[in-house]
C-alpha atoms as a PDB file:
ATOM      1  CA  MET A   1      24.084 -50.830  41.835  1.00  0.00           C
ATOM      2  CA  SER A   2      21.354 -52.764  43.662  1.00  0.00           C
ATOM      3  CA  ILE A   3      19.698 -55.778  42.073  1.00  0.00           C
ATOM      4  CA  LEU A   4      16.601 -55.494  44.238  1.00  0.00           C
ATOM      5  CA  SER A   5      15.427 -52.707  46.514  1.00  0.00           C
ATOM      6  CA  ILE A   6      12.274 -53.204  48.587  1.00  0.00           C
ATOM      7  CA  GLU A   7      10.535 -50.288  50.293  1.00  0.00           C
ATOM      8  CA  ASN A   8       7.848 -50.801  52.948  1.00  0.00           C
ATOM      9  CA  LEU A   9       6.454 -53.877  51.163  1.00  0.00           C
ATOM     10  CA  SER A  10       3.276 -55.385  52.613  1.00  0.00           C
ATOM     11  CA  LYS A  11       0.838 -58.127  51.672  1.00  0.00           C
ATOM     12  CA  SER A  12      -2.456 -59.052  53.327  1.00  0.00           C
ATOM     13  CA  TYR A  13      -4.831 -61.963  52.834  1.00  0.00           C
ATOM     14  CA  GLY A  14      -7.912 -60.626  54.568  1.00  0.00           C
ATOM     15  CA  ARG A  15      -6.984 -60.250  58.224  1.00  0.00           C
ATOM     16  CA  ILE A  16      -3.725 -62.141  57.772  1.00  0.00           C
ATOM     17  CA  GLN A  17      -0.666 -59.961  57.167  1.00  0.00           C
ATOM     18  CA  ALA A  18       1.920 -62.026  55.321  1.00  0.00           C
ATOM     19  CA  LEU A  19       4.320 -59.068  54.971  1.00  0.00           C
ATOM     20  CA  LYS A  20       4.408 -56.032  57.240  1.00  0.00           C
ATOM     21  CA  GLY A  21       6.289 -53.075  55.774  1.00  0.00           C
ATOM     22  CA  VAL A  22       9.510 -54.866  54.823  1.00  0.00           C
ATOM     23  CA  SER A  23      12.440 -52.838  53.427  1.00  0.00           C
ATOM     24  CA  PHE A  24      15.938 -53.947  52.375  1.00  0.00           C
ATOM     25  CA  ILE A  25      18.409 -53.815  49.469  1.00  0.00           C
ATOM     26  CA  VAL A  26      20.137 -56.679  47.626  1.00  0.00           C
ATOM     27  CA  PRO A  27      23.547 -55.475  46.335  1.00  0.00           C
ATOM     28  CA  LYS A  28      24.871 -56.731  43.020  1.00  0.00           C
ATOM     29  CA  GLY A  29      27.214 -59.723  43.185  1.00  0.00           C
ATOM     30  CA  THR A  30      25.936 -61.103  46.489  1.00  0.00           C
ATOM     31  CA  VAL A  31      24.383 -64.361  47.580  1.00  0.00           C
ATOM     32  CA  PHE A  32      21.479 -62.885  49.507  1.00  0.00           C
ATOM     33  CA  GLY A  33      19.598 -65.171  51.866  1.00  0.00           C
ATOM     34  CA  ILE A  34      16.008 -64.493  52.912  1.00  0.00           C
ATOM     35  CA  LEU A  35      15.898 -66.474  56.137  1.00  0.00           C
ATOM     36  CA  GLY A  36      12.985 -67.256  58.396  1.00  0.00           C
ATOM     37  CA  PRO A  37      10.811 -70.022  59.816  1.00  0.00           C
ATOM     38  CA  ASN A  38       8.014 -71.475  57.708  1.00  0.00           C
ATOM     39  CA  GLY A  39       5.209 -68.923  57.449  1.00  0.00           C
ATOM     40  CA  SER A  40       7.477 -65.906  57.829  1.00  0.00           C
ATOM     41  CA  GLY A  41       6.606 -64.475  54.388  1.00  0.00           C
ATOM     42  CA  LYS A  42       9.601 -65.558  52.299  1.00  0.00           C
ATOM     43  CA  THR A  43       7.705 -67.182  49.429  1.00  0.00           C
ATOM     44  CA  THR A  44       5.108 -64.394  49.395  1.00  0.00           C
ATOM     45  CA  MET A  45       7.883 -61.850  48.954  1.00  0.00           C
ATOM     46  CA  LEU A  46       9.468 -63.748  46.074  1.00  0.00           C
ATOM     47  CA  GLY A  47       6.064 -64.150  44.437  1.00  0.00           C
ATOM     48  CA  ILE A  48       5.573 -60.371  44.533  1.00  0.00           C
ATOM     49  CA  ILE A  49       9.022 -59.714  43.075  1.00  0.00           C
ATOM     50  CA  MET A  50       8.299 -62.025  40.140  1.00  0.00           C
ATOM     51  CA  ASP A  51       4.832 -60.510  39.575  1.00  0.00           C
ATOM     52  CA  ILE A  52       2.977 -63.673  40.570  1.00  0.00           C
ATOM     53  CA  LEU A  53       1.361 -61.828  43.505  1.00  0.00           C
ATOM     54  CA  ARG A  54       0.296 -58.212  43.901  1.00  0.00           C
ATOM     55  CA  PRO A  55       1.496 -56.325  46.992  1.00  0.00           C
ATOM     56  CA  SER A  56      -1.014 -54.637  49.295  1.00  0.00           C
ATOM     57  CA  GLY A  57       1.359 -51.732  49.825  1.00  0.00           C
ATOM     58  CA  GLY A  58       4.892 -50.497  49.319  1.00  0.00           C
ATOM     59  CA  SER A  59       7.097 -50.779  46.254  1.00  0.00           C
ATOM     60  CA  TYR A  60      10.218 -52.415  44.857  1.00  0.00           C
ATOM     61  CA  LYS A  61      12.728 -51.905  42.063  1.00  0.00           C
ATOM     62  CA  LEU A  62      14.785 -54.304  39.958  1.00  0.00           C
ATOM     63  CA  PHE A  63      18.206 -53.151  38.752  1.00  0.00           C
ATOM     64  CA  ASP A  64      17.358 -49.683  40.185  1.00  0.00           C
ATOM     65  CA  GLU A  65      14.379 -49.370  37.830  1.00  0.00           C
ATOM     66  CA  ILE A  66      10.615 -49.780  37.993  1.00  0.00           C
ATOM     67  CA  PRO A  67      10.122 -53.503  37.269  1.00  0.00           C
ATOM     68  CA  ASP A  68       8.779 -54.683  33.930  1.00  0.00           C
ATOM     69  CA  GLU A  69       8.849 -57.886  31.890  1.00  0.00           C
ATOM     70  CA  THR A  70      12.129 -56.942  30.191  1.00  0.00           C
ATOM     71  CA  LEU A  71      13.883 -56.628  33.535  1.00  0.00           C
ATOM     72  CA  ARG A  72      12.388 -59.849  34.834  1.00  0.00           C
ATOM     73  CA  ARG A  73      13.791 -61.703  31.825  1.00  0.00           C
ATOM     74  CA  LYS A  74      17.226 -61.009  33.323  1.00  0.00           C
ATOM     75  CA  ILE A  75      16.234 -63.235  36.252  1.00  0.00           C
ATOM     76  CA  GLY A  76      16.144 -67.022  36.408  1.00  0.00           C
ATOM     77  CA  THR A  77      13.607 -68.282  38.928  1.00  0.00           C
ATOM     78  CA  PHE A  78      12.998 -71.478  40.855  1.00  0.00           C
ATOM     79  CA  LEU A  79       9.928 -70.821  43.020  1.00  0.00           C
ATOM     80  CA  GLU A  80       8.479 -74.278  43.569  1.00  0.00           C
ATOM     81  CA  THR A  81       9.088 -78.023  43.275  1.00  0.00           C
ATOM     82  CA  PRO A  82      10.632 -78.912  39.887  1.00  0.00           C
ATOM     83  CA  ASN A  83       7.830 -79.310  37.324  1.00  0.00           C
ATOM     84  CA  PHE A  84       9.043 -81.367  34.368  1.00  0.00           C
ATOM     85  CA  TYR A  85       7.598 -84.110  32.171  1.00  0.00           C
ATOM     86  CA  HIS A  86       8.499 -87.340  33.951  1.00  0.00           C
ATOM     87  CA  TYR A  87       8.587 -89.453  30.784  1.00  0.00           C
ATOM     88  CA  LEU A  88      10.971 -87.095  28.942  1.00  0.00           C
ATOM     89  CA  SER A  89      14.730 -86.750  29.241  1.00  0.00           C
ATOM     90  CA  ALA A  90      16.545 -83.794  30.763  1.00  0.00           C
ATOM     91  CA  GLN A  91      17.509 -82.688  27.265  1.00  0.00           C
ATOM     92  CA  LYS A  92      13.896 -82.714  26.040  1.00  0.00           C
ATOM     93  CA  ASN A  93      12.603 -80.995  29.166  1.00  0.00           C
ATOM     94  CA  LEU A  94      15.120 -78.194  28.786  1.00  0.00           C
ATOM     95  CA  GLU A  95      14.218 -77.821  25.115  1.00  0.00           C
ATOM     96  CA  ILE A  96      10.591 -77.296  26.147  1.00  0.00           C
ATOM     97  CA  ALA A  97      11.638 -74.822  28.866  1.00  0.00           C
ATOM     98  CA  ALA A  98      13.759 -72.890  26.351  1.00  0.00           C
ATOM     99  CA  ALA A  99      10.839 -72.740  23.893  1.00  0.00           C
ATOM    100  CA  LEU A 100       8.492 -71.420  26.610  1.00  0.00           C
ATOM    101  CA  LYS A 101      11.023 -68.794  27.679  1.00  0.00           C
ATOM    102  CA  GLU A 102      11.845 -67.986  24.052  1.00  0.00           C
ATOM    103  CA  ARG A 103      15.525 -68.065  24.908  1.00  0.00           C
ATOM    104  CA  GLY A 104      18.363 -70.402  25.802  1.00  0.00           C
ATOM    105  CA  HIS A 105      17.975 -73.291  23.318  1.00  0.00           C
ATOM    106  CA  ASP A 106      21.646 -73.083  22.306  1.00  0.00           C
ATOM    107  CA  ASP A 107      22.532 -72.821  25.990  1.00  0.00           C
ATOM    108  CA  ILE A 108      21.356 -76.322  26.926  1.00  0.00           C
ATOM    109  CA  PRO A 109      24.755 -78.115  26.680  1.00  0.00           C
ATOM    110  CA  ARG A 110      26.370 -75.411  28.846  1.00  0.00           C
ATOM    111  CA  VAL A 111      23.778 -75.493  31.618  1.00  0.00           C
ATOM    112  CA  LEU A 112      23.746 -79.299  31.706  1.00  0.00           C
ATOM    113  CA  GLU A 113      27.501 -79.238  32.191  1.00  0.00           C
ATOM    114  CA  LEU A 114      27.201 -76.594  34.912  1.00  0.00           C
ATOM    115  CA  VAL A 115      24.841 -78.740  36.964  1.00  0.00           C
ATOM    116  CA  ASN A 116      26.799 -81.935  36.242  1.00  0.00           C
ATOM    117  CA  LEU A 117      24.020 -83.689  34.321  1.00  0.00           C
ATOM    118  CA  THR A 118      25.631 -84.040  30.895  1.00  0.00           C
ATOM    119  CA  GLN A 119      26.141 -87.779  31.353  1.00  0.00           C
ATOM    120  CA  ARG A 120      22.470 -88.219  32.263  1.00  0.00           C
ATOM    121  CA  LYS A 121      20.932 -85.783  29.761  1.00  0.00           C
ATOM    122  CA  ASP A 122      19.165 -88.572  27.857  1.00  0.00           C
ATOM    123  CA  SER A 123      17.773 -90.285  30.966  1.00  0.00           C
ATOM    124  CA  ARG A 124      14.123 -89.893  31.801  1.00  0.00           C
ATOM    125  CA  PHE A 125      13.300 -87.361  34.495  1.00  0.00           C
ATOM    126  CA  SER A 126      11.471 -90.104  36.418  1.00  0.00           C
ATOM    127  CA  THR A 127      14.804 -91.913  36.955  1.00  0.00           C
ATOM    128  CA  TYR A 128      16.455 -88.909  38.606  1.00  0.00           C
ATOM    129  CA  SER A 129      17.144 -88.611  42.326  1.00  0.00           C
ATOM    130  CA  LEU A 130      15.605 -85.609  44.086  1.00  0.00           C
ATOM    131  CA  GLY A 131      18.972 -83.863  44.074  1.00  0.00           C
ATOM    132  CA  MET A 132      19.300 -84.355  40.318  1.00  0.00           C
ATOM    133  CA  LYS A 133      15.777 -82.994  39.838  1.00  0.00           C
ATOM    134  CA  GLN A 134      16.700 -79.873  41.807  1.00  0.00           C
ATOM    135  CA  ARG A 135      19.855 -79.431  39.732  1.00  0.00           C
ATOM    136  CA  LEU A 136      17.855 -79.762  36.518  1.00  0.00           C
ATOM    137  CA  ALA A 137      15.478 -77.076  37.812  1.00  0.00           C
ATOM    138  CA  ILE A 138      18.457 -74.777  38.391  1.00  0.00           C
ATOM    139  CA  ALA A 139      19.716 -75.626  34.879  1.00  0.00           C
ATOM    140  CA  SER A 140      16.356 -74.441  33.552  1.00  0.00           C
ATOM    141  CA  CYS A 141      16.797 -71.193  35.522  1.00  0.00           C
ATOM    142  CA  LEU A 142      20.181 -70.701  33.871  1.00  0.00           C
ATOM    143  CA  LEU A 143      18.911 -70.888  30.282  1.00  0.00           C
ATOM    144  CA  GLY A 144      19.741 -67.646  28.504  1.00  0.00           C
ATOM    145  CA  ASP A 145      22.461 -66.843  31.061  1.00  0.00           C
ATOM    146  CA  PRO A 146      20.451 -64.532  33.385  1.00  0.00           C
ATOM    147  CA  GLU A 147      22.330 -62.105  35.619  1.00  0.00           C
ATOM    148  CA  VAL A 148      20.282 -62.995  38.686  1.00  0.00           C
ATOM    149  CA  LEU A 149      18.864 -66.221  40.122  1.00  0.00           C
ATOM    150  CA  ILE A 150      15.972 -66.416  42.583  1.00  0.00           C
ATOM    151  CA  LEU A 151      15.783 -69.761  44.382  1.00  0.00           C
ATOM    152  CA  ASP A 152      13.028 -70.675  46.836  1.00  0.00           C
ATOM    153  CA  GLU A 153      14.175 -73.397  49.271  1.00  0.00           C
ATOM    154  CA  PRO A 154      16.582 -75.009  46.746  1.00  0.00           C
ATOM    155  CA  THR A 155      17.647 -77.802  49.123  1.00  0.00           C
ATOM    156  CA  ASN A 156      14.176 -78.604  50.464  1.00  0.00           C
ATOM    157  CA  GLY A 157      13.739 -82.350  51.002  1.00  0.00           C
ATOM    158  CA  LEU A 158      17.262 -83.299  49.933  1.00  0.00           C
ATOM    159  CA  ASP A 159      19.542 -85.750  51.706  1.00  0.00           C
ATOM    160  CA  PRO A 160      22.969 -84.526  52.936  1.00  0.00           C
ATOM    161  CA  VAL A 161      24.651 -85.426  49.623  1.00  0.00           C
ATOM    162  CA  GLY A 162      22.021 -83.538  47.625  1.00  0.00           C
ATOM    163  CA  ILE A 163      22.281 -80.523  49.934  1.00  0.00           C
ATOM    164  CA  ALA A 164      26.065 -80.448  49.511  1.00  0.00           C
ATOM    165  CA  GLU A 165      25.709 -80.616  45.701  1.00  0.00           C
ATOM    166  CA  ILE A 166      23.292 -77.667  45.577  1.00  0.00           C
ATOM    167  CA  ARG A 167      25.410 -75.615  47.970  1.00  0.00           C
ATOM    168  CA  GLN A 168      28.506 -76.204  45.865  1.00  0.00           C
ATOM    169  CA  LEU A 169      26.605 -75.245  42.717  1.00  0.00           C
ATOM    170  CA  ILE A 170      25.398 -71.987  44.295  1.00  0.00           C
ATOM    171  CA  LYS A 171      28.955 -71.121  45.322  1.00  0.00           C
ATOM    172  CA  GLN A 172      30.197 -71.903  41.805  1.00  0.00           C
ATOM    173  CA  LEU A 173      27.531 -69.686  40.200  1.00  0.00           C
ATOM    174  CA  HIS A 174      28.401 -66.873  42.594  1.00  0.00           C
ATOM    175  CA  GLN A 175      32.067 -67.151  41.627  1.00  0.00           C
ATOM    176  CA  GLN A 176      30.990 -66.743  38.000  1.00  0.00           C
ATOM    177  CA  GLY A 177      29.460 -63.369  38.857  1.00  0.00           C
ATOM    178  CA  LYS A 178      25.808 -64.265  39.396  1.00  0.00           C
ATOM    179  CA  THR A 179      23.724 -62.508  42.013  1.00  0.00           C
ATOM    180  CA  ILE A 180      21.648 -65.096  43.850  1.00  0.00           C
ATOM    181  CA  ILE A 181      18.609 -64.426  46.027  1.00  0.00           C
ATOM    182  CA  MET A 182      17.775 -67.528  48.037  1.00  0.00           C
ATOM    183  CA  ALA A 183      14.927 -68.131  50.473  1.00  0.00           C
ATOM    184  CA  SER A 184      15.496 -70.720  53.173  1.00  0.00           C
ATOM    185  CA  HIS A 185      14.336 -71.719  56.637  1.00  0.00           C
ATOM    186  CA  LEU A 186      17.690 -73.436  57.282  1.00  0.00           C
ATOM    187  CA  LEU A 187      20.155 -71.368  59.280  1.00  0.00           C
ATOM    188  CA  ASP A 188      23.064 -73.652  58.393  1.00  0.00           C
ATOM    189  CA  GLU A 189      22.375 -73.277  54.670  1.00  0.00           C
ATOM    190  CA  VAL A 190      22.370 -69.476  54.762  1.00  0.00           C
ATOM    191  CA  GLU A 191      25.429 -69.313  56.993  1.00  0.00           C
ATOM    192  CA  LYS A 192      27.430 -71.547  54.654  1.00  0.00           C
ATOM    193  CA  VAL A 193      26.579 -70.092  51.228  1.00  0.00           C
ATOM    194  CA  CYS A 194      25.232 -66.552  51.650  1.00  0.00           C
ATOM    195  CA  THR A 195      27.155 -63.288  51.902  1.00  0.00           C
ATOM    196  CA  HIS A 196      24.165 -61.207  53.049  1.00  0.00           C
ATOM    197  CA  VAL A 197      20.891 -62.011  54.788  1.00  0.00           C
ATOM    198  CA  ALA A 198      17.461 -60.611  55.638  1.00  0.00           C
ATOM    199  CA  ILE A 199      15.719 -62.378  58.525  1.00  0.00           C
ATOM    200  CA  LEU A 200      11.916 -62.433  58.581  1.00  0.00           C
ATOM    201  CA  LYS A 201       9.600 -63.285  61.461  1.00  0.00           C
ATOM    202  CA  LYS A 202       5.843 -63.457  60.876  1.00  0.00           C
ATOM    203  CA  GLY A 203       6.084 -61.032  57.963  1.00  0.00           C
ATOM    204  CA  GLU A 204       8.353 -58.538  59.721  1.00  0.00           C
ATOM    205  CA  LEU A 205      12.007 -57.819  59.000  1.00  0.00           C
ATOM    206  CA  VAL A 206      14.007 -58.331  62.196  1.00  0.00           C
ATOM    207  CA  ALA A 207      17.557 -57.966  60.829  1.00  0.00           C
ATOM    208  CA  THR A 208      19.422 -57.454  57.558  1.00  0.00           C
ATOM    209  CA  GLY A 209      23.050 -57.042  56.551  1.00  0.00           C
ATOM    210  CA  ASP A 210      26.302 -58.955  56.137  1.00  0.00           C
ATOM    211  CA  VAL A 211      25.961 -62.588  57.248  1.00  0.00           C
ATOM    212  CA  ASN A 212      29.144 -62.402  59.302  1.00  0.00           C
ATOM    213  CA  GLU A 213      27.702 -59.483  61.260  1.00  0.00           C
ATOM    214  CA  ILE A 214      24.066 -60.557  61.586  1.00  0.00           C
ATOM    215  CA  LEU A 215      24.772 -64.216  62.378  1.00  0.00           C
ATOM    216  CA  ALA A 216      28.073 -63.744  64.144  1.00  0.00           C
ATOM    217  CA  ASN A 217      29.123 -66.197  66.843  1.00  0.00           C
ATOM    218  CA  GLU A 218      30.059 -64.526  70.090  1.00  0.00           C
ATOM    219  CA  ASP A 219      32.068 -65.302  73.191  1.00  0.00           C
ATOM    220  CA  ILE A 220      30.120 -64.449  76.330  1.00  0.00           C
ATOM    221  CA  VAL A 221      31.863 -63.979  79.665  1.00  0.00           C
ATOM    222  CA  GLU A 222      29.642 -64.151  82.766  1.00  0.00           C
ATOM    223  CA  ILE A 223      30.987 -62.231  85.750  1.00  0.00           C
ATOM    224  CA  SER A 224      29.734 -61.627  89.267  1.00  0.00           C
ATOM    225  CA  ALA A 225      30.960 -60.029  92.469  1.00  0.00           C
ATOM    226  CA  ALA A 226      29.495 -58.855  95.790  1.00  0.00           C
ATOM    227  CA  ASN A 227      29.187 -55.254  94.548  1.00  0.00           C
ATOM    228  CA  ILE A 228      27.598 -55.328  91.066  1.00  0.00           C
ATOM    229  CA  PRO A 229      27.424 -51.515  90.556  1.00  0.00           C
ATOM    230  CA  GLN A 230      31.131 -51.157  91.387  1.00  0.00           C
ATOM    231  CA  LEU A 231      31.962 -54.146  89.173  1.00  0.00           C
ATOM    232  CA  GLU A 232      30.172 -52.461  86.265  1.00  0.00           C
ATOM    233  CA  ILE A 233      32.210 -49.280  86.764  1.00  0.00           C
ATOM    234  CA  VAL A 234      35.440 -51.278  86.744  1.00  0.00           C
ATOM    235  CA  LEU A 235      34.444 -53.239  83.655  1.00  0.00           C
ATOM    236  CA  ASN A 236      33.592 -50.029  81.789  1.00  0.00           C
ATOM    237  CA  ALA A 237      37.329 -49.295  81.787  1.00  0.00           C
ATOM    238  CA  LEU A 238      38.156 -52.700  80.297  1.00  0.00           C
ATOM    239  CA  GLN A 239      38.961 -52.879  76.564  1.00  0.00           C
ATOM    240  CA  GLY A 240      38.069 -55.478  73.947  1.00  0.00           C
ATOM    241  CA  TYR A 241      34.431 -56.414  74.449  1.00  0.00           C
ATOM    242  CA  SER A 242      31.637 -55.265  72.129  1.00  0.00           C
ATOM    243  CA  ASN A 243      28.759 -55.080  74.598  1.00  0.00           C
ATOM    244  CA  LEU A 244      28.024 -55.217  78.333  1.00  0.00           C
ATOM    245  CA  LYS A 245      24.720 -56.328  79.870  1.00  0.00           C
ATOM    246  CA  VAL A 246      23.709 -56.361  83.531  1.00  0.00           C
ATOM    247  CA  GLN A 247      21.513 -59.390  84.249  1.00  0.00           C
ATOM    248  CA  GLY A 248      20.433 -59.128  87.905  1.00  0.00           C
ATOM    249  CA  LYS A 249      23.396 -60.271  90.004  1.00  0.00           C
ATOM    250  CA  MET A 250      25.390 -61.163  86.886  1.00  0.00           C
ATOM    251  CA  ILE A 251      27.188 -59.100  84.214  1.00  0.00           C
ATOM    252  CA  GLN A 252      27.709 -60.433  80.692  1.00  0.00           C
ATOM    253  CA  LEU A 253      30.526 -59.241  78.418  1.00  0.00           C
ATOM    254  CA  PHE A 254      30.212 -60.003  74.697  1.00  0.00           C
ATOM    255  CA  TYR A 255      33.376 -60.522  72.647  1.00  0.00           C
ATOM    256  CA  PRO A 256      34.102 -61.327  68.988  1.00  0.00           C
ATOM    257  CA  VAL A 257      34.748 -65.054  68.598  1.00  0.00           C
ATOM    258  CA  GLY A 258      38.031 -66.207  70.116  1.00  0.00           C
ATOM    259  CA  THR A 259      39.019 -62.869  71.698  1.00  0.00           C
ATOM    260  CA  ALA A 260      37.764 -63.245  75.277  1.00  0.00           C
ATOM    261  CA  ASP A 261      40.580 -63.723  77.830  1.00  0.00           C
ATOM    262  CA  VAL A 262      39.230 -64.587  81.278  1.00  0.00           C
ATOM    263  CA  GLU A 263      42.676 -64.297  82.900  1.00  0.00           C
ATOM    264  CA  THR A 264      43.003 -60.683  81.730  1.00  0.00           C
ATOM    265  CA  ILE A 265      39.475 -59.916  82.975  1.00  0.00           C
ATOM    266  CA  ASN A 266      40.191 -61.454  86.391  1.00  0.00           C
ATOM    267  CA  ARG A 267      43.486 -59.566  86.705  1.00  0.00           C
ATOM    268  CA  HIS A 268      41.849 -56.270  85.709  1.00  0.00           C
ATOM    269  CA  CYS A 269      39.092 -56.654  88.289  1.00  0.00           C
ATOM    270  CA  PHE A 270      41.454 -57.715  91.091  1.00  0.00           C
ATOM    271  CA  SER A 271      43.857 -54.824  90.430  1.00  0.00           C
ATOM    272  CA  ASN A 272      40.888 -52.455  90.738  1.00  0.00           C
ATOM    273  CA  GLY A 273      39.761 -53.837  94.092  1.00  0.00           C
ATOM    274  CA  ILE A 274      37.089 -56.277  92.892  1.00  0.00           C
ATOM    275  CA  VAL A 275      37.203 -59.928  93.925  1.00  0.00           C
ATOM    276  CA  LEU A 276      35.111 -62.015  91.550  1.00  0.00           C
ATOM    277  CA  ASN A 277      32.897 -64.809  92.867  1.00  0.00           C
ATOM    278  CA  HIS A 278      31.938 -66.005  89.380  1.00  0.00           C
ATOM    279  CA  LEU A 279      33.823 -65.943  86.062  1.00  0.00           C
ATOM    280  CA  GLN A 280      32.772 -68.199  83.181  1.00  0.00           C
ATOM    281  CA  LEU A 281      33.357 -68.190  79.423  1.00  0.00           C
ATOM    282  CA  LYS A 282      30.443 -69.324  77.239  1.00  0.00           C
ATOM    283  CA  LYS A 283      29.904 -69.595  73.485  1.00  0.00           C
ATOM    284  CA  LYS A 284      26.863 -68.157  71.764  1.00  0.00           C
ATOM    285  CA  SER A 285      25.990 -70.406  68.872  1.00  0.00           C
ATOM    286  CA  LEU A 286      24.528 -69.398  65.534  1.00  0.00           C
ATOM    287  CA  GLU A 287      21.372 -71.260  66.520  1.00  0.00           C
ATOM    288  CA  ALA A 288      21.072 -69.189  69.697  1.00  0.00           C
ATOM    289  CA  LYS A 289      21.521 -65.997  67.723  1.00  0.00           C
ATOM    290  CA  PHE A 290      18.874 -67.052  65.198  1.00  0.00           C
ATOM    291  CA  PHE A 291      16.332 -67.991  67.882  1.00  0.00           C
ATOM    292  CA  GLU A 292      17.050 -64.744  69.696  1.00  0.00           C
ATOM    293  CA  LEU A 293      16.140 -62.840  66.535  1.00  0.00           C
ATOM    294  CA  THR A 294      13.061 -64.865  65.578  1.00  0.00           C
ATOM    295  CA  ASN A 295      11.462 -65.760  68.933  1.00  0.00           C
END
């Protein structure tokens, strides 16, 4: 079962196209990251899903059905900066949130415990750190025990301690069976907490799938010899690499992380009559992969 399926979704503001025919599926039980630089269309997409914005074209389904208010009530959302009454306590703010949602009043002790705010439930919101405010916002999302959470930039503006707290909370909620859809412009955040990812660039989908496949590190071996065409023929008989690219007077072999063996490559070439004049192992970082996809 898919939690969210998007088909050719688009959104225009006059001449500006915020989304350009985006399609992907969010499987149940995943932590699905929507990753992209600022202005890539992440927040616009989430706004459409939660019926805050109207799409210009395309369609989407929630829980494999045409979306309606009943289905959306299965989703807890955090789409902007926490908006609570500063002079009220966490307890009082959650009581108001539960009344507005018409659900979750009896759930308040549980969600406060989940986000580790039980000891500070009677403190005014104005006394909270930014990380505590974000956690209270997630607690509000959890009222009524929704199956799915949608979080827009949940660690935005936090210090390293606050970021670590939110990441740990997301992992904990995932372990409890929640499906989490999370928008972020931070590669490190998505790589550390998400199982799947869709990468957006200026409103276009450039990649989607398992995080370990889309954002995989790679070993790159650069090789050169006097006769590049003959070197390519010899390397085609070599096992173990995932891709081969000819870059002018250089050939690049791409390997899964930790599997490249330059000694084996050198021996293979020499035994087939090729003397290498260049052989170098390089690492392709996650950052390089991300910039390759988005630039």
